[in-house]
Amino acid sequence: MLLWYSFFFGVVFGVAARWGRFCLLRGIRQRMGQDRSEAAGDAPALQAFALAAAVALLASQGLHLAGIIDLNNAQIVRPGFSFAGVLLGGAIFGIGMVLANACGARSLVLMAGGNLRSLITVVFLALGAQATLTGVLAPLRQWLQGIAPTATEHATLHQHMIEKGLSAPVTYALTAMIPAALLLLYAFYRPALRRSPVQLVCALLIGALVAVGWWISATIEVDPFEPAKLNSLSFIAPISETLLYTQVAVGRDFAPISAMVLGVLAGAFITALLTRTARWEGFDSPAHLAQSALGGWLMGFGGVLAVGCSIGQGLTGISTLAWATLPAVLGIGLGTVAALKLLPRKAA
């Protein structure tokens, strides 16, 4: 049952991400004036990302407030972490995202429509993540994660506010409603997103999916005697696990996160066919291939170090109000902006 829930969860994301062209990198490019298809100052893709983040935050914290889920038990929530290590990981991920011209989630979506460049990116992302988690780069990861470790008394802003004596509803208002209102203000202040109902609806849907993911992992096939950590939208570990399963399936269970990856591919493929955007796409040169491979590998390495990607930290992490999300998102933003200013652009 959980596998099917995960698969259809991925299908919905694949449809929304492909149909709405959901992409943080594209939004940052628009905001920096590097996308000539948009008027100066307009960044509908970044506004859509802000809208999705607002919905994810409100819905997830709402479920937590209602007692339906416990976000303190989320995989991404960690009381001890290295600020410098997570920040560096985020920056490396951002640089890799620019080199590959797509994050891990966007690469899956593009690959489903016939983009062979994204196939290379996805494979090298998985290899980079595997090498960093359990392979030859594991000692380097452990060393970086040990730099100036931060041991917080409370892993999330929500926990901190509750400990200060604030009631749960007041904490929800201060930590979820006010930040979400600021995100919504940015999303709708300029009319660019309002003029694109498809992008708007898809952003709403993707934001809601973050909360749905928490609910699925908290309620479907849960063993009360062995409670597992909660998970929602994220793509570094799922892509890595899926590639690993294709190589060593014997004696290994097919994981729900792999079912989600297959769902994303299926949803994006169906959408590409229906919108007539499916087509084979390759490389301009060997250098372009190397750039896509390096970008994927850096995203795998940086994503593991940052404990998430642009979706896993930028949406899912934000919805938990985890302290570790702050340096991750900051690092991704800084790495992306720096790379966009310094590196040549290639089509994804």
C-alpha atoms as a PDB file:
ATOM      1  CA  MET A   1       0.000   0.000   0.000  1.00  0.00           C
ATOM      2  CA  LEU A   2       2.768   2.446   0.934  1.00  0.00           C
ATOM      3  CA  LEU A   3       4.525   1.787  -2.366  1.00  0.00           C
ATOM      4  CA  TRP A   4       1.386   2.701  -4.310  1.00  0.00           C
ATOM      5  CA  TYR A   5       0.832   5.828  -2.229  1.00  0.00           C
ATOM      6  CA  SER A   6       4.431   6.830  -2.890  1.00  0.00           C
ATOM      7  CA  PHE A   7       4.126   6.108  -6.597  1.00  0.00           C
ATOM      8  CA  PHE A   8       1.004   8.218  -7.108  1.00  0.00           C
ATOM      9  CA  PHE A   9       2.488  10.902  -4.878  1.00  0.00           C
ATOM     10  CA  GLY A  10       5.389  11.041  -7.334  1.00  0.00           C
ATOM     11  CA  VAL A  11       3.033  11.030 -10.325  1.00  0.00           C
ATOM     12  CA  VAL A  12       1.271  14.146  -9.063  1.00  0.00           C
ATOM     13  CA  PHE A  13       4.584  15.904  -8.503  1.00  0.00           C
ATOM     14  CA  GLY A  14       5.817  14.893 -11.959  1.00  0.00           C
ATOM     15  CA  VAL A  15       2.677  16.261 -13.601  1.00  0.00           C
ATOM     16  CA  ALA A  16       2.755  19.533 -11.661  1.00  0.00           C
ATOM     17  CA  ALA A  17       6.498  20.083 -12.050  1.00  0.00           C
ATOM     18  CA  ARG A  18       6.433  19.421 -15.808  1.00  0.00           C
ATOM     19  CA  TRP A  19       3.205  21.255 -16.542  1.00  0.00           C
ATOM     20  CA  GLY A  20       4.097  24.278 -14.402  1.00  0.00           C
ATOM     21  CA  ARG A  21       7.807  24.285 -15.340  1.00  0.00           C
ATOM     22  CA  PHE A  22       8.554  24.418 -11.628  1.00  0.00           C
ATOM     23  CA  CYS A  23      12.218  25.323 -11.216  1.00  0.00           C
ATOM     24  CA  LEU A  24      14.072  27.368  -8.598  1.00  0.00           C
ATOM     25  CA  LEU A  25      17.068  27.901 -10.884  1.00  0.00           C
ATOM     26  CA  ARG A  26      14.850  29.337 -13.604  1.00  0.00           C
ATOM     27  CA  GLY A  27      13.312  31.692 -11.062  1.00  0.00           C
ATOM     28  CA  ILE A  28      16.684  32.950  -9.849  1.00  0.00           C
ATOM     29  CA  ARG A  29      17.755  33.479 -13.459  1.00  0.00           C
ATOM     30  CA  GLN A  30      14.623  35.526 -14.074  1.00  0.00           C
ATOM     31  CA  ARG A  31      15.237  37.580 -10.946  1.00  0.00           C
ATOM     32  CA  MET A  32      18.813  38.281 -12.059  1.00  0.00           C
ATOM     33  CA  GLY A  33      17.624  39.383 -15.499  1.00  0.00           C
ATOM     34  CA  GLN A  34      19.215  36.449 -17.328  1.00  0.00           C
ATOM     35  CA  ASP A  35      15.932  35.181 -18.790  1.00  0.00           C
ATOM     36  CA  ARG A  36      14.995  37.385 -21.722  1.00  0.00           C
ATOM     37  CA  SER A  37      11.551  35.790 -22.001  1.00  0.00           C
ATOM     38  CA  GLU A  38      10.437  37.782 -18.947  1.00  0.00           C
ATOM     39  CA  ALA A  39      10.136  41.525 -18.463  1.00  0.00           C
ATOM     40  CA  ALA A  40      12.734  43.216 -16.281  1.00  0.00           C
ATOM     41  CA  GLY A  41      11.983  42.534 -12.635  1.00  0.00           C
ATOM     42  CA  ASP A  42       9.512  39.727 -13.333  1.00  0.00           C
ATOM     43  CA  ALA A  43      10.353  36.300 -11.934  1.00  0.00           C
ATOM     44  CA  PRO A  44       7.198  34.154 -12.073  1.00  0.00           C
ATOM     45  CA  ALA A  45       9.149  30.933 -11.483  1.00  0.00           C
ATOM     46  CA  LEU A  46      10.690  32.344  -8.292  1.00  0.00           C
ATOM     47  CA  GLN A  47       7.288  33.678  -7.244  1.00  0.00           C
ATOM     48  CA  ALA A  48       5.852  30.195  -7.833  1.00  0.00           C
ATOM     49  CA  PHE A  49       8.562  28.703  -5.629  1.00  0.00           C
ATOM     50  CA  ALA A  50       7.743  31.218  -2.887  1.00  0.00           C
ATOM     51  CA  LEU A  51       4.055  30.311  -3.171  1.00  0.00           C
ATOM     52  CA  ALA A  52       4.837  26.602  -2.891  1.00  0.00           C
ATOM     53  CA  ALA A  53       7.027  27.263   0.160  1.00  0.00           C
ATOM     54  CA  ALA A  54       4.235  29.256   1.822  1.00  0.00           C
ATOM     55  CA  VAL A  55       1.676  26.512   1.233  1.00  0.00           C
ATOM     56  CA  ALA A  56       4.102  23.818   2.412  1.00  0.00           C
ATOM     57  CA  LEU A  57       4.837  25.766   5.596  1.00  0.00           C
ATOM     58  CA  LEU A  58       1.202  26.543   6.434  1.00  0.00           C
ATOM     59  CA  ALA A  59      -0.118  23.072   5.636  1.00  0.00           C
ATOM     60  CA  SER A  60       2.683  21.123   7.320  1.00  0.00           C
ATOM     61  CA  GLN A  61       2.684  23.210  10.478  1.00  0.00           C
ATOM     62  CA  GLY A  62      -1.122  23.036  10.469  1.00  0.00           C
ATOM     63  CA  LEU A  63      -0.987  19.230  10.495  1.00  0.00           C
ATOM     64  CA  HIS A  64       1.593  19.414  13.275  1.00  0.00           C
ATOM     65  CA  LEU A  65      -0.611  21.787  15.287  1.00  0.00           C
ATOM     66  CA  ALA A  66      -3.590  19.454  14.854  1.00  0.00           C
ATOM     67  CA  GLY A  67      -1.540  16.530  16.159  1.00  0.00           C
ATOM     68  CA  ILE A  68      -1.875  14.572  12.917  1.00  0.00           C
ATOM     69  CA  ILE A  69       1.880  14.469  12.367  1.00  0.00           C
ATOM     70  CA  ASP A  70       4.920  15.139  14.547  1.00  0.00           C
ATOM     71  CA  LEU A  71       7.459  17.135  12.572  1.00  0.00           C
ATOM     72  CA  ASN A  72       9.929  16.820  15.433  1.00  0.00           C
ATOM     73  CA  ASN A  73      10.323  13.238  14.184  1.00  0.00           C
ATOM     74  CA  ALA A  74      11.155  14.298  10.626  1.00  0.00           C
ATOM     75  CA  GLN A  75      14.320  12.868   9.080  1.00  0.00           C
ATOM     76  CA  ILE A  76      15.538  16.328   8.155  1.00  0.00           C
ATOM     77  CA  VAL A  77      15.200  17.722  11.704  1.00  0.00           C
ATOM     78  CA  ARG A  78      18.548  17.396  13.478  1.00  0.00           C
ATOM     79  CA  PRO A  79      19.517  19.025  16.780  1.00  0.00           C
ATOM     80  CA  GLY A  80      23.214  18.668  16.026  1.00  0.00           C
ATOM     81  CA  PHE A  81      24.768  19.819  12.746  1.00  0.00           C
ATOM     82  CA  SER A  82      27.709  21.728  11.355  1.00  0.00           C
ATOM     83  CA  PHE A  83      26.622  25.183  10.210  1.00  0.00           C
ATOM     84  CA  ALA A  84      29.734  25.487   8.051  1.00  0.00           C
ATOM     85  CA  GLY A  85      29.333  21.988   6.618  1.00  0.00           C
ATOM     86  CA  VAL A  86      25.673  22.461   5.723  1.00  0.00           C
ATOM     87  CA  LEU A  87      26.346  25.927   4.282  1.00  0.00           C
ATOM     88  CA  LEU A  88      29.202  24.565   2.162  1.00  0.00           C
ATOM     89  CA  GLY A  89      27.071  21.640   1.016  1.00  0.00           C
ATOM     90  CA  GLY A  90      24.311  23.998  -0.046  1.00  0.00           C
ATOM     91  CA  ALA A  91      26.761  26.180  -1.966  1.00  0.00           C
ATOM     92  CA  ILE A  92      28.250  23.155  -3.750  1.00  0.00           C
ATOM     93  CA  PHE A  93      24.752  21.992  -4.632  1.00  0.00           C
ATOM     94  CA  GLY A  94      23.923  25.433  -6.032  1.00  0.00           C
ATOM     95  CA  ILE A  95      27.042  25.449  -8.210  1.00  0.00           C
ATOM     96  CA  GLY A  96      26.225  21.962  -9.471  1.00  0.00           C
ATOM     97  CA  MET A  97      22.660  23.020 -10.225  1.00  0.00           C
ATOM     98  CA  VAL A  98      23.923  25.839 -12.430  1.00  0.00           C
ATOM     99  CA  LEU A  99      26.419  23.574 -14.217  1.00  0.00           C
ATOM    100  CA  ALA A 100      23.696  21.010 -14.938  1.00  0.00           C
ATOM    101  CA  ASN A 101      21.143  23.789 -15.534  1.00  0.00           C
ATOM    102  CA  ALA A 102      18.613  21.905 -13.399  1.00  0.00           C
ATOM    103  CA  CYS A 103      18.263  20.527  -9.889  1.00  0.00           C
ATOM    104  CA  GLY A 104      17.726  16.824  -9.218  1.00  0.00           C
ATOM    105  CA  ALA A 105      13.941  17.034  -9.361  1.00  0.00           C
ATOM    106  CA  ARG A 106      13.954  19.132 -12.531  1.00  0.00           C
ATOM    107  CA  SER A 107      16.470  16.744 -14.110  1.00  0.00           C
ATOM    108  CA  LEU A 108      14.111  13.807 -13.489  1.00  0.00           C
ATOM    109  CA  VAL A 109      11.246  15.743 -15.036  1.00  0.00           C
ATOM    110  CA  LEU A 110      13.283  16.724 -18.100  1.00  0.00           C
ATOM    111  CA  MET A 111      14.684  13.202 -18.482  1.00  0.00           C
ATOM    112  CA  ALA A 112      11.149  11.838 -18.647  1.00  0.00           C
ATOM    113  CA  GLY A 113      10.537  14.005 -21.706  1.00  0.00           C
ATOM    114  CA  GLY A 114      13.554  12.681 -23.604  1.00  0.00           C
ATOM    115  CA  ASN A 115      16.337  14.965 -22.368  1.00  0.00           C
ATOM    116  CA  LEU A 116      19.485  12.840 -22.453  1.00  0.00           C
ATOM    117  CA  ARG A 117      21.529  15.608 -20.840  1.00  0.00           C
ATOM    118  CA  SER A 118      19.379  15.260 -17.750  1.00  0.00           C
ATOM    119  CA  LEU A 119      19.866  11.483 -17.821  1.00  0.00           C
ATOM    120  CA  ILE A 120      23.610  12.015 -17.440  1.00  0.00           C
ATOM    121  CA  THR A 121      22.983  14.529 -14.653  1.00  0.00           C
ATOM    122  CA  VAL A 122      20.715  12.130 -12.758  1.00  0.00           C
ATOM    123  CA  VAL A 123      23.164   9.222 -13.016  1.00  0.00           C
ATOM    124  CA  PHE A 124      26.104  11.293 -11.797  1.00  0.00           C
ATOM    125  CA  LEU A 125      24.001  12.851  -9.042  1.00  0.00           C
ATOM    126  CA  ALA A 126      23.238   9.361  -7.766  1.00  0.00           C
ATOM    127  CA  LEU A 127      26.890   8.310  -8.027  1.00  0.00           C
ATOM    128  CA  GLY A 128      28.043  11.427  -6.197  1.00  0.00           C
ATOM    129  CA  ALA A 129      25.503  10.881  -3.431  1.00  0.00           C
ATOM    130  CA  GLN A 130      26.442   7.203  -3.037  1.00  0.00           C
ATOM    131  CA  ALA A 131      30.151   8.015  -2.911  1.00  0.00           C
ATOM    132  CA  THR A 132      29.484  10.671  -0.272  1.00  0.00           C
ATOM    133  CA  LEU A 133      27.144   8.602   1.887  1.00  0.00           C
ATOM    134  CA  THR A 134      28.909   5.245   1.973  1.00  0.00           C
ATOM    135  CA  GLY A 135      31.727   5.351  -0.573  1.00  0.00           C
ATOM    136  CA  VAL A 136      35.178   6.812  -0.938  1.00  0.00           C
ATOM    137  CA  LEU A 137      34.032  10.323  -0.019  1.00  0.00           C
ATOM    138  CA  ALA A 138      32.411   9.294   3.266  1.00  0.00           C
ATOM    139  CA  PRO A 139      35.515  10.237   5.336  1.00  0.00           C
ATOM    140  CA  LEU A 140      35.551  13.692   3.720  1.00  0.00           C
ATOM    141  CA  ARG A 141      31.838  14.103   4.453  1.00  0.00           C
ATOM    142  CA  GLN A 142      32.340  13.103   8.078  1.00  0.00           C
ATOM    143  CA  TRP A 143      35.225  15.547   8.436  1.00  0.00           C
ATOM    144  CA  LEU A 144      33.231  18.426   6.937  1.00  0.00           C
ATOM    145  CA  GLN A 145      30.223  17.602   9.094  1.00  0.00           C
ATOM    146  CA  GLY A 146      32.488  17.751  12.137  1.00  0.00           C
ATOM    147  CA  ILE A 147      33.652  21.329  11.522  1.00  0.00           C
ATOM    148  CA  ALA A 148      32.417  23.561  14.357  1.00  0.00           C
ATOM    149  CA  PRO A 149      29.385  21.386  15.134  1.00  0.00           C
ATOM    150  CA  THR A 150      26.316  23.202  16.447  1.00  0.00           C
ATOM    151  CA  ALA A 151      24.387  21.440  19.190  1.00  0.00           C
ATOM    152  CA  THR A 152      21.071  23.260  19.609  1.00  0.00           C
ATOM    153  CA  GLU A 153      18.824  22.581  22.575  1.00  0.00           C
ATOM    154  CA  HIS A 154      15.864  22.545  20.214  1.00  0.00           C
ATOM    155  CA  ALA A 155      16.098  21.373  16.600  1.00  0.00           C
ATOM    156  CA  THR A 156      13.334  23.644  15.272  1.00  0.00           C
ATOM    157  CA  LEU A 157      12.076  27.178  15.751  1.00  0.00           C
ATOM    158  CA  HIS A 158       8.691  25.724  16.728  1.00  0.00           C
ATOM    159  CA  GLN A 159      10.228  23.729  19.597  1.00  0.00           C
ATOM    160  CA  HIS A 160      12.129  26.810  20.751  1.00  0.00           C
ATOM    161  CA  MET A 161       8.980  28.953  20.883  1.00  0.00           C
ATOM    162  CA  ILE A 162       7.001  26.286  22.734  1.00  0.00           C
ATOM    163  CA  GLU A 163       9.809  25.966  25.281  1.00  0.00           C
ATOM    164  CA  LYS A 164       9.624  29.734  25.829  1.00  0.00           C
ATOM    165  CA  GLY A 165       6.080  29.235  27.089  1.00  0.00           C
ATOM    166  CA  LEU A 166       4.054  30.261  24.048  1.00  0.00           C
ATOM    167  CA  SER A 167       0.911  28.303  23.256  1.00  0.00           C
ATOM    168  CA  ALA A 168       0.746  26.121  20.153  1.00  0.00           C
ATOM    169  CA  PRO A 169      -1.707  28.440  18.288  1.00  0.00           C
ATOM    170  CA  VAL A 170       0.418  31.522  19.027  1.00  0.00           C
ATOM    171  CA  THR A 171       3.543  29.661  17.942  1.00  0.00           C
ATOM    172  CA  TYR A 172       1.809  28.657  14.706  1.00  0.00           C
ATOM    173  CA  ALA A 173       0.877  32.276  14.056  1.00  0.00           C
ATOM    174  CA  LEU A 174       4.384  33.578  14.708  1.00  0.00           C
ATOM    175  CA  THR A 175       6.440  30.844  13.055  1.00  0.00           C
ATOM    176  CA  ALA A 176       4.179  29.776  10.191  1.00  0.00           C
ATOM    177  CA  MET A 177       1.576  32.407   9.376  1.00  0.00           C
ATOM    178  CA  ILE A 178       3.843  35.468   9.435  1.00  0.00           C
ATOM    179  CA  PRO A 179       6.663  33.941   7.305  1.00  0.00           C
ATOM    180  CA  ALA A 180       4.056  32.480   4.942  1.00  0.00           C
ATOM    181  CA  ALA A 181       2.400  35.890   4.624  1.00  0.00           C
ATOM    182  CA  LEU A 182       5.730  37.409   3.573  1.00  0.00           C
ATOM    183  CA  LEU A 183       6.247  34.647   1.006  1.00  0.00           C
ATOM    184  CA  LEU A 184       2.718  35.158  -0.321  1.00  0.00           C
ATOM    185  CA  LEU A 185       3.299  38.904  -0.524  1.00  0.00           C
ATOM    186  CA  TYR A 186       6.329  38.281  -2.721  1.00  0.00           C
ATOM    187  CA  ALA A 187       4.456  35.696  -4.781  1.00  0.00           C
ATOM    188  CA  PHE A 188       1.573  38.018  -5.629  1.00  0.00           C
ATOM    189  CA  TYR A 189       3.035  41.525  -5.337  1.00  0.00           C
ATOM    190  CA  ARG A 190       3.979  41.595  -9.020  1.00  0.00           C
ATOM    191  CA  PRO A 191       1.403  40.326 -11.536  1.00  0.00           C
ATOM    192  CA  ALA A 192       3.728  37.902 -13.379  1.00  0.00           C
ATOM    193  CA  LEU A 193       2.550  34.803 -11.496  1.00  0.00           C
ATOM    194  CA  ARG A 194      -1.084  35.925 -11.482  1.00  0.00           C
ATOM    195  CA  ARG A 195      -0.926  36.099 -15.273  1.00  0.00           C
ATOM    196  CA  SER A 196       0.135  32.440 -15.392  1.00  0.00           C
ATOM    197  CA  PRO A 197      -2.671  30.344 -13.865  1.00  0.00           C
ATOM    198  CA  VAL A 198      -0.941  27.076 -14.784  1.00  0.00           C
ATOM    199  CA  GLN A 199       2.199  28.004 -12.851  1.00  0.00           C
ATOM    200  CA  LEU A 200       0.080  29.253  -9.959  1.00  0.00           C
ATOM    201  CA  VAL A 201      -2.008  26.086  -9.671  1.00  0.00           C
ATOM    202  CA  CYS A 202       1.027  23.823 -10.004  1.00  0.00           C
ATOM    203  CA  ALA A 203       2.877  25.756  -7.296  1.00  0.00           C
ATOM    204  CA  LEU A 204      -0.113  25.403  -4.967  1.00  0.00           C
ATOM    205  CA  LEU A 205      -0.217  21.687  -5.691  1.00  0.00           C
ATOM    206  CA  ILE A 206       3.504  21.141  -5.102  1.00  0.00           C
ATOM    207  CA  GLY A 207       3.363  23.039  -1.823  1.00  0.00           C
ATOM    208  CA  ALA A 208       0.418  20.932  -0.682  1.00  0.00           C
ATOM    209  CA  LEU A 209       2.293  17.765  -1.670  1.00  0.00           C
ATOM    210  CA  VAL A 210       4.931  18.488   0.972  1.00  0.00           C
ATOM    211  CA  ALA A 211       2.265  18.249   3.676  1.00  0.00           C
ATOM    212  CA  VAL A 212       0.720  15.197   2.007  1.00  0.00           C
ATOM    213  CA  GLY A 213       4.130  13.518   2.033  1.00  0.00           C
ATOM    214  CA  TRP A 214       4.447  14.060   5.779  1.00  0.00           C
ATOM    215  CA  TRP A 215       0.969  12.607   6.266  1.00  0.00           C
ATOM    216  CA  ILE A 216       1.739   9.524   4.156  1.00  0.00           C
ATOM    217  CA  SER A 217       4.945   8.719   6.035  1.00  0.00           C
ATOM    218  CA  ALA A 218       3.216   9.309   9.395  1.00  0.00           C
ATOM    219  CA  THR A 219       0.088   7.221   8.820  1.00  0.00           C
ATOM    220  CA  ILE A 220       0.483   4.601   6.060  1.00  0.00           C
ATOM    221  CA  GLU A 221       1.830   1.204   7.160  1.00  0.00           C
ATOM    222  CA  VAL A 222       3.363   2.635  10.313  1.00  0.00           C
ATOM    223  CA  ASP A 223       4.656   0.153  12.889  1.00  0.00           C
ATOM    224  CA  PRO A 224       3.787   1.600  16.331  1.00  0.00           C
ATOM    225  CA  PHE A 225       6.537  -0.498  17.915  1.00  0.00           C
ATOM    226  CA  GLU A 226       9.220   0.703  15.496  1.00  0.00           C
ATOM    227  CA  PRO A 227       8.295   4.253  14.452  1.00  0.00           C
ATOM    228  CA  ALA A 228      10.294   5.455  11.475  1.00  0.00           C
ATOM    229  CA  LYS A 229      11.480   8.968  10.749  1.00  0.00           C
ATOM    230  CA  LEU A 230       9.075  11.069   8.676  1.00  0.00           C
ATOM    231  CA  ASN A 231       9.937  11.996   5.094  1.00  0.00           C
ATOM    232  CA  SER A 232       8.413  14.093   2.345  1.00  0.00           C
ATOM    233  CA  LEU A 233       9.533  15.589  -0.968  1.00  0.00           C
ATOM    234  CA  SER A 234      13.277  15.249  -1.465  1.00  0.00           C
ATOM    235  CA  PHE A 235      15.383  13.885  -4.289  1.00  0.00           C
ATOM    236  CA  ILE A 236      19.033  13.268  -3.398  1.00  0.00           C
ATOM    237  CA  ALA A 237      18.539  10.079  -1.371  1.00  0.00           C
ATOM    238  CA  PRO A 238      15.621   8.797  -3.508  1.00  0.00           C
ATOM    239  CA  ILE A 239      17.548   9.134  -6.779  1.00  0.00           C
ATOM    240  CA  SER A 240      20.619   7.534  -5.210  1.00  0.00           C
ATOM    241  CA  GLU A 241      18.596   4.650  -3.748  1.00  0.00           C
ATOM    242  CA  THR A 242      16.801   4.043  -7.051  1.00  0.00           C
ATOM    243  CA  LEU A 243      20.045   3.728  -9.009  1.00  0.00           C
ATOM    244  CA  LEU A 244      21.472   1.465  -6.314  1.00  0.00           C
ATOM    245  CA  TYR A 245      18.388  -0.772  -6.455  1.00  0.00           C
ATOM    246  CA  THR A 246      18.740  -1.193 -10.223  1.00  0.00           C
ATOM    247  CA  GLN A 247      22.260  -2.536  -9.617  1.00  0.00           C
ATOM    248  CA  VAL A 248      21.775  -4.694  -6.494  1.00  0.00           C
ATOM    249  CA  ALA A 249      18.075  -5.548  -6.366  1.00  0.00           C
ATOM    250  CA  VAL A 250      18.672  -9.111  -5.142  1.00  0.00           C
ATOM    251  CA  GLY A 251      18.153  -9.236  -1.388  1.00  0.00           C
ATOM    252  CA  ARG A 252      17.124  -5.576  -1.278  1.00  0.00           C
ATOM    253  CA  ASP A 253      13.591  -4.290  -0.688  1.00  0.00           C
ATOM    254  CA  PHE A 254      12.102  -1.855  -3.175  1.00  0.00           C
ATOM    255  CA  ALA A 255      11.850   1.349  -1.139  1.00  0.00           C
ATOM    256  CA  PRO A 256       8.917   3.801  -1.147  1.00  0.00           C
ATOM    257  CA  ILE A 257      11.304   6.604  -2.120  1.00  0.00           C
ATOM    258  CA  SER A 258      12.180   4.663  -5.272  1.00  0.00           C
ATOM    259  CA  ALA A 259       8.480   4.230  -6.010  1.00  0.00           C
ATOM    260  CA  MET A 260       8.181   8.005  -5.756  1.00  0.00           C
ATOM    261  CA  VAL A 261      11.008   8.483  -8.268  1.00  0.00           C
ATOM    262  CA  LEU A 262       9.281   6.149 -10.731  1.00  0.00           C
ATOM    263  CA  GLY A 263       6.062   8.073 -10.157  1.00  0.00           C
ATOM    264  CA  VAL A 264       7.760  11.372 -10.963  1.00  0.00           C
ATOM    265  CA  LEU A 265       9.119   9.898 -14.198  1.00  0.00           C
ATOM    266  CA  ALA A 266       5.700   8.504 -15.125  1.00  0.00           C
ATOM    267  CA  GLY A 267       3.842  11.726 -14.351  1.00  0.00           C
ATOM    268  CA  ALA A 268       6.333  13.903 -16.194  1.00  0.00           C
ATOM    269  CA  PHE A 269       6.375  11.532 -19.186  1.00  0.00           C
ATOM    270  CA  ILE A 270       2.580  11.539 -19.492  1.00  0.00           C
ATOM    271  CA  THR A 271       2.520  15.328 -19.217  1.00  0.00           C
ATOM    272  CA  ALA A 272       5.244  15.686 -21.839  1.00  0.00           C
ATOM    273  CA  LEU A 273       3.200  13.548 -24.229  1.00  0.00           C
ATOM    274  CA  LEU A 274      -0.036  15.423 -23.551  1.00  0.00           C
ATOM    275  CA  THR A 275       1.606  18.827 -23.960  1.00  0.00           C
ATOM    276  CA  ARG A 276       3.591  17.649 -26.992  1.00  0.00           C
ATOM    277  CA  THR A 277       6.884  18.705 -25.443  1.00  0.00           C
ATOM    278  CA  ALA A 278       8.486  15.253 -25.462  1.00  0.00           C
ATOM    279  CA  ARG A 279      11.517  15.121 -27.741  1.00  0.00           C
ATOM    280  CA  TRP A 280      15.026  13.709 -27.808  1.00  0.00           C
ATOM    281  CA  GLU A 281      17.676  16.210 -26.737  1.00  0.00           C
ATOM    282  CA  GLY A 282      21.424  15.677 -26.579  1.00  0.00           C
ATOM    283  CA  PHE A 283      24.713  17.506 -26.153  1.00  0.00           C
ATOM    284  CA  ASP A 284      26.325  20.264 -28.189  1.00  0.00           C
ATOM    285  CA  SER A 285      29.856  19.058 -27.446  1.00  0.00           C
ATOM    286  CA  PRO A 286      31.903  16.751 -25.209  1.00  0.00           C
ATOM    287  CA  ALA A 287      32.490  19.742 -22.917  1.00  0.00           C
ATOM    288  CA  HIS A 288      28.739  20.113 -22.485  1.00  0.00           C
ATOM    289  CA  LEU A 289      28.484  16.448 -21.481  1.00  0.00           C
ATOM    290  CA  ALA A 290      31.283  16.919 -18.942  1.00  0.00           C
ATOM    291  CA  GLN A 291      29.528  19.980 -17.538  1.00  0.00           C
ATOM    292  CA  SER A 292      26.277  18.062 -17.018  1.00  0.00           C
ATOM    293  CA  ALA A 293      28.113  15.149 -15.396  1.00  0.00           C
ATOM    294  CA  LEU A 294      30.115  17.421 -13.089  1.00  0.00           C
ATOM    295  CA  GLY A 295      26.971  19.353 -12.183  1.00  0.00           C
ATOM    296  CA  GLY A 296      25.166  16.167 -11.248  1.00  0.00           C
ATOM    297  CA  TRP A 297      28.088  14.883  -9.190  1.00  0.00           C
ATOM    298  CA  LEU A 298      28.391  18.177  -7.303  1.00  0.00           C
ATOM    299  CA  MET A 299      24.670  18.146  -6.560  1.00  0.00           C
ATOM    300  CA  GLY A 300      24.969  14.616  -5.189  1.00  0.00           C
ATOM    301  CA  PHE A 301      27.927  15.522  -2.978  1.00  0.00           C
ATOM    302  CA  GLY A 302      26.550  18.894  -1.887  1.00  0.00           C
ATOM    303  CA  GLY A 303      23.027  17.587  -1.380  1.00  0.00           C
ATOM    304  CA  VAL A 304      24.220  14.909   1.039  1.00  0.00           C
ATOM    305  CA  LEU A 305      26.350  17.424   2.934  1.00  0.00           C
ATOM    306  CA  ALA A 306      23.451  19.911   3.093  1.00  0.00           C
ATOM    307  CA  VAL A 307      20.991  17.139   4.034  1.00  0.00           C
ATOM    308  CA  GLY A 308      18.751  18.038   1.116  1.00  0.00           C
ATOM    309  CA  CYS A 309      18.362  19.730  -2.235  1.00  0.00           C
ATOM    310  CA  SER A 310      16.504  22.794  -3.508  1.00  0.00           C
ATOM    311  CA  ILE A 311      13.263  20.875  -2.938  1.00  0.00           C
ATOM    312  CA  GLY A 312      14.302  18.808   0.077  1.00  0.00           C
ATOM    313  CA  GLN A 313      15.553  21.843   2.004  1.00  0.00           C
ATOM    314  CA  GLY A 314      13.979  24.711   0.041  1.00  0.00           C
ATOM    315  CA  LEU A 315      10.422  23.407   0.471  1.00  0.00           C
ATOM    316  CA  THR A 316      10.352  20.352   2.736  1.00  0.00           C
ATOM    317  CA  GLY A 317      12.993  21.609   5.151  1.00  0.00           C
ATOM    318  CA  ILE A 318      11.373  25.026   5.426  1.00  0.00           C
ATOM    319  CA  SER A 319       8.059  23.391   6.292  1.00  0.00           C
ATOM    320  CA  THR A 320       9.639  21.890   9.442  1.00  0.00           C
ATOM    321  CA  LEU A 321      11.187  25.175  10.649  1.00  0.00           C
ATOM    322  CA  ALA A 322      14.395  23.220  11.326  1.00  0.00           C
ATOM    323  CA  TRP A 323      17.439  25.310  12.225  1.00  0.00           C
ATOM    324  CA  ALA A 324      19.623  23.252   9.866  1.00  0.00           C
ATOM    325  CA  THR A 325      17.498  24.384   6.930  1.00  0.00           C
ATOM    326  CA  LEU A 326      18.679  27.991   7.263  1.00  0.00           C
ATOM    327  CA  PRO A 327      22.352  27.445   6.291  1.00  0.00           C
ATOM    328  CA  ALA A 328      21.316  24.917   3.637  1.00  0.00           C
ATOM    329  CA  VAL A 329      18.961  27.339   1.872  1.00  0.00           C
ATOM    330  CA  LEU A 330      21.417  30.203   2.297  1.00  0.00           C
ATOM    331  CA  GLY A 331      24.204  28.109   0.814  1.00  0.00           C
ATOM    332  CA  ILE A 332      22.090  26.999  -2.148  1.00  0.00           C
ATOM    333  CA  GLY A 333      21.153  30.609  -2.854  1.00  0.00           C
ATOM    334  CA  LEU A 334      24.705  31.930  -2.579  1.00  0.00           C
ATOM    335  CA  GLY A 335      26.188  29.107  -4.642  1.00  0.00           C
ATOM    336  CA  THR A 336      23.570  29.511  -7.353  1.00  0.00           C
ATOM    337  CA  VAL A 337      23.932  33.290  -7.649  1.00  0.00           C
ATOM    338  CA  ALA A 338      27.731  33.121  -7.655  1.00  0.00           C
ATOM    339  CA  ALA A 339      27.769  30.406 -10.319  1.00  0.00           C
ATOM    340  CA  LEU A 340      25.261  32.267 -12.500  1.00  0.00           C
ATOM    341  CA  LYS A 341      27.497  35.321 -12.417  1.00  0.00           C
ATOM    342  CA  LEU A 342      30.737  33.459 -13.095  1.00  0.00           C
ATOM    343  CA  LEU A 343      29.918  30.410 -15.218  1.00  0.00           C
ATOM    344  CA  PRO A 344      28.802  30.265 -18.868  1.00  0.00           C
ATOM    345  CA  ARG A 345      25.257  29.146 -19.511  1.00  0.00           C
ATOM    346  CA  LYS A 346      24.304  25.911 -21.266  1.00  0.00           C
ATOM    347  CA  ALA A 347      20.836  24.677 -22.075  1.00  0.00           C
ATOM    348  CA  ALA A 348      19.438  21.871 -19.938  1.00  0.00           C
END
